[in-house]
Amino acid sequence: MYVAASDPFDSAATIHIILYSRFEVALTITDEKGRPVFTFNKILEAGLTVVVWDITDYGKLRLPNGVYFCRLIVDGKEKTVEMHLQR
């Protein structure tokens, strides 16, 4: 499993997920206080998947500049990357 996110980002965040086998993934983006602002749960095939987050709170409110955390859980393993929104 591999996850990377555009950092810093301004109008959208691009998240790259690479899997070596077919798995169910749970991706959650949280703000600095740990509140979830975006989730992506899906069964993905092996290879590269690109997820684009439009920097809104579940498609409603545009979020402010700051630090966000992208957490990916695959097959019981977790990886978290820090992202910085700067407009």
C-alpha atoms as a PDB file:
ATOM      1  CA  MET A   1       0.000   0.000   0.000  1.00  0.00           C
ATOM      2  CA  TYR A   2       1.200   3.481  -0.852  1.00  0.00           C
ATOM      3  CA  VAL A   3      -0.551   6.837  -0.376  1.00  0.00           C
ATOM      4  CA  ALA A   4       0.639  10.325  -1.261  1.00  0.00           C
ATOM      5  CA  ALA A   5      -1.169  13.639  -1.421  1.00  0.00           C
ATOM      6  CA  SER A   6      -0.456  16.919  -3.156  1.00  0.00           C
ATOM      7  CA  ASP A   7       1.153  19.209  -0.590  1.00  0.00           C
ATOM      8  CA  PRO A   8       0.715  22.077  -0.372  1.00  0.00           C
ATOM      9  CA  PHE A   9      -2.519  22.351  -2.349  1.00  0.00           C
ATOM     10  CA  ASP A  10      -4.860  25.225  -3.137  1.00  0.00           C
ATOM     11  CA  SER A  11      -8.003  24.430  -5.150  1.00  0.00           C
ATOM     12  CA  ALA A  12      -8.140  20.627  -4.841  1.00  0.00           C
ATOM     13  CA  ALA A  13      -6.070  17.886  -3.265  1.00  0.00           C
ATOM     14  CA  THR A  14      -4.975  14.953  -5.378  1.00  0.00           C
ATOM     15  CA  ILE A  15      -4.450  11.703  -3.485  1.00  0.00           C
ATOM     16  CA  HIS A  16      -2.614   8.788  -5.103  1.00  0.00           C
ATOM     17  CA  ILE A  17      -3.245   5.285  -3.784  1.00  0.00           C
ATOM     18  CA  ILE A  18      -1.240   2.314  -5.039  1.00  0.00           C
ATOM     19  CA  LEU A  19      -2.339  -1.193  -4.102  1.00  0.00           C
ATOM     20  CA  TYR A  20      -0.541  -4.422  -4.923  1.00  0.00           C
ATOM     21  CA  SER A  21      -3.736  -6.481  -4.715  1.00  0.00           C
ATOM     22  CA  ARG A  22      -7.509  -5.927  -4.660  1.00  0.00           C
ATOM     23  CA  PHE A  23      -8.599  -4.496  -1.280  1.00  0.00           C
ATOM     24  CA  GLU A  24     -11.338  -2.540   0.405  1.00  0.00           C
ATOM     25  CA  VAL A  25      -9.970   0.882   1.348  1.00  0.00           C
ATOM     26  CA  ALA A  26     -11.140   3.462   3.851  1.00  0.00           C
ATOM     27  CA  LEU A  27      -9.770   6.941   3.245  1.00  0.00           C
ATOM     28  CA  THR A  28     -10.657   9.770   5.632  1.00  0.00           C
ATOM     29  CA  ILE A  29      -9.506  13.380   5.568  1.00  0.00           C
ATOM     30  CA  THR A  30      -9.734  15.219   8.875  1.00  0.00           C
ATOM     31  CA  ASP A  31      -9.094  18.800   9.919  1.00  0.00           C
ATOM     32  CA  GLU A  32      -6.609  19.863  12.618  1.00  0.00           C
ATOM     33  CA  LYS A  33      -9.129  19.029  15.347  1.00  0.00           C
ATOM     34  CA  GLY A  34      -9.700  15.508  14.044  1.00  0.00           C
ATOM     35  CA  ARG A  35     -13.143  16.189  12.550  1.00  0.00           C
ATOM     36  CA  PRO A  36     -13.752  14.231   9.330  1.00  0.00           C
ATOM     37  CA  VAL A  37     -14.364  16.433   6.279  1.00  0.00           C
ATOM     38  CA  PHE A  38     -14.168  13.819   3.484  1.00  0.00           C
ATOM     39  CA  THR A  39     -14.423  10.045   3.241  1.00  0.00           C
ATOM     40  CA  PHE A  40     -13.842   7.573   0.426  1.00  0.00           C
ATOM     41  CA  ASN A  41     -14.685   3.909   1.036  1.00  0.00           C
ATOM     42  CA  LYS A  42     -14.463   1.509  -1.867  1.00  0.00           C
ATOM     43  CA  ILE A  43     -13.085  -1.793  -3.085  1.00  0.00           C
ATOM     44  CA  LEU A  44     -10.158  -0.985  -5.370  1.00  0.00           C
ATOM     45  CA  GLU A  45      -8.292  -3.153  -7.832  1.00  0.00           C
ATOM     46  CA  ALA A  46      -4.520  -3.473  -7.793  1.00  0.00           C
ATOM     47  CA  GLY A  47      -2.675  -0.521  -9.301  1.00  0.00           C
ATOM     48  CA  LEU A  48      -3.000   3.242  -9.092  1.00  0.00           C
ATOM     49  CA  THR A  49      -6.180   5.051  -8.051  1.00  0.00           C
ATOM     50  CA  VAL A  50      -6.363   8.842  -7.993  1.00  0.00           C
ATOM     51  CA  VAL A  51      -8.868  10.497  -5.649  1.00  0.00           C
ATOM     52  CA  VAL A  52      -9.539  14.231  -5.946  1.00  0.00           C
ATOM     53  CA  TRP A  53     -10.901  16.114  -2.932  1.00  0.00           C
ATOM     54  CA  ASP A  54     -12.505  19.476  -3.752  1.00  0.00           C
ATOM     55  CA  ILE A  55     -11.579  20.960  -0.318  1.00  0.00           C
ATOM     56  CA  THR A  56     -15.145  21.150   0.860  1.00  0.00           C
ATOM     57  CA  ASP A  57     -16.767  19.650   3.918  1.00  0.00           C
ATOM     58  CA  TYR A  58     -18.625  16.763   2.230  1.00  0.00           C
ATOM     59  CA  GLY A  59     -19.396  18.946  -0.797  1.00  0.00           C
ATOM     60  CA  LYS A  60     -20.965  21.772   1.210  1.00  0.00           C
ATOM     61  CA  LEU A  61     -18.632  24.412   2.669  1.00  0.00           C
ATOM     62  CA  ARG A  62     -15.216  25.401   1.345  1.00  0.00           C
ATOM     63  CA  LEU A  63     -12.721  24.824   4.105  1.00  0.00           C
ATOM     64  CA  PRO A  64     -10.181  27.334   5.434  1.00  0.00           C
ATOM     65  CA  ASN A  65      -6.421  27.250   5.037  1.00  0.00           C
ATOM     66  CA  GLY A  66      -4.697  24.943   7.468  1.00  0.00           C
ATOM     67  CA  VAL A  67      -3.409  21.468   8.129  1.00  0.00           C
ATOM     68  CA  TYR A  68      -5.428  18.407   7.126  1.00  0.00           C
ATOM     69  CA  PHE A  69      -4.658  14.725   7.604  1.00  0.00           C
ATOM     70  CA  CYS A  70      -5.306  12.010   5.031  1.00  0.00           C
ATOM     71  CA  ARG A  71      -5.649   8.585   6.670  1.00  0.00           C
ATOM     72  CA  LEU A  72      -5.813   5.426   4.578  1.00  0.00           C
ATOM     73  CA  ILE A  73      -6.694   2.026   6.043  1.00  0.00           C
ATOM     74  CA  VAL A  74      -6.118  -1.071   3.919  1.00  0.00           C
ATOM     75  CA  ASP A  75      -6.216  -4.652   5.199  1.00  0.00           C
ATOM     76  CA  GLY A  76      -5.809  -3.517   8.818  1.00  0.00           C
ATOM     77  CA  LYS A  77      -2.789  -1.336   8.044  1.00  0.00           C
ATOM     78  CA  GLU A  78      -2.937   2.426   8.431  1.00  0.00           C
ATOM     79  CA  LYS A  79      -0.977   5.241   6.791  1.00  0.00           C
ATOM     80  CA  THR A  80      -1.516   8.947   7.514  1.00  0.00           C
ATOM     81  CA  VAL A  81      -0.074  11.869   5.566  1.00  0.00           C
ATOM     82  CA  GLU A  82      -0.209  15.546   6.476  1.00  0.00           C
ATOM     83  CA  MET A  83      -1.491  18.039   3.881  1.00  0.00           C
ATOM     84  CA  HIS A  84      -1.437  21.857   3.894  1.00  0.00           C
ATOM     85  CA  LEU A  85      -4.203  23.927   2.307  1.00  0.00           C
ATOM     86  CA  GLN A  86      -2.793  27.296   1.208  1.00  0.00           C
ATOM     87  CA  ARG A  87      -4.805  29.617  -1.006  1.00  0.00           C
END
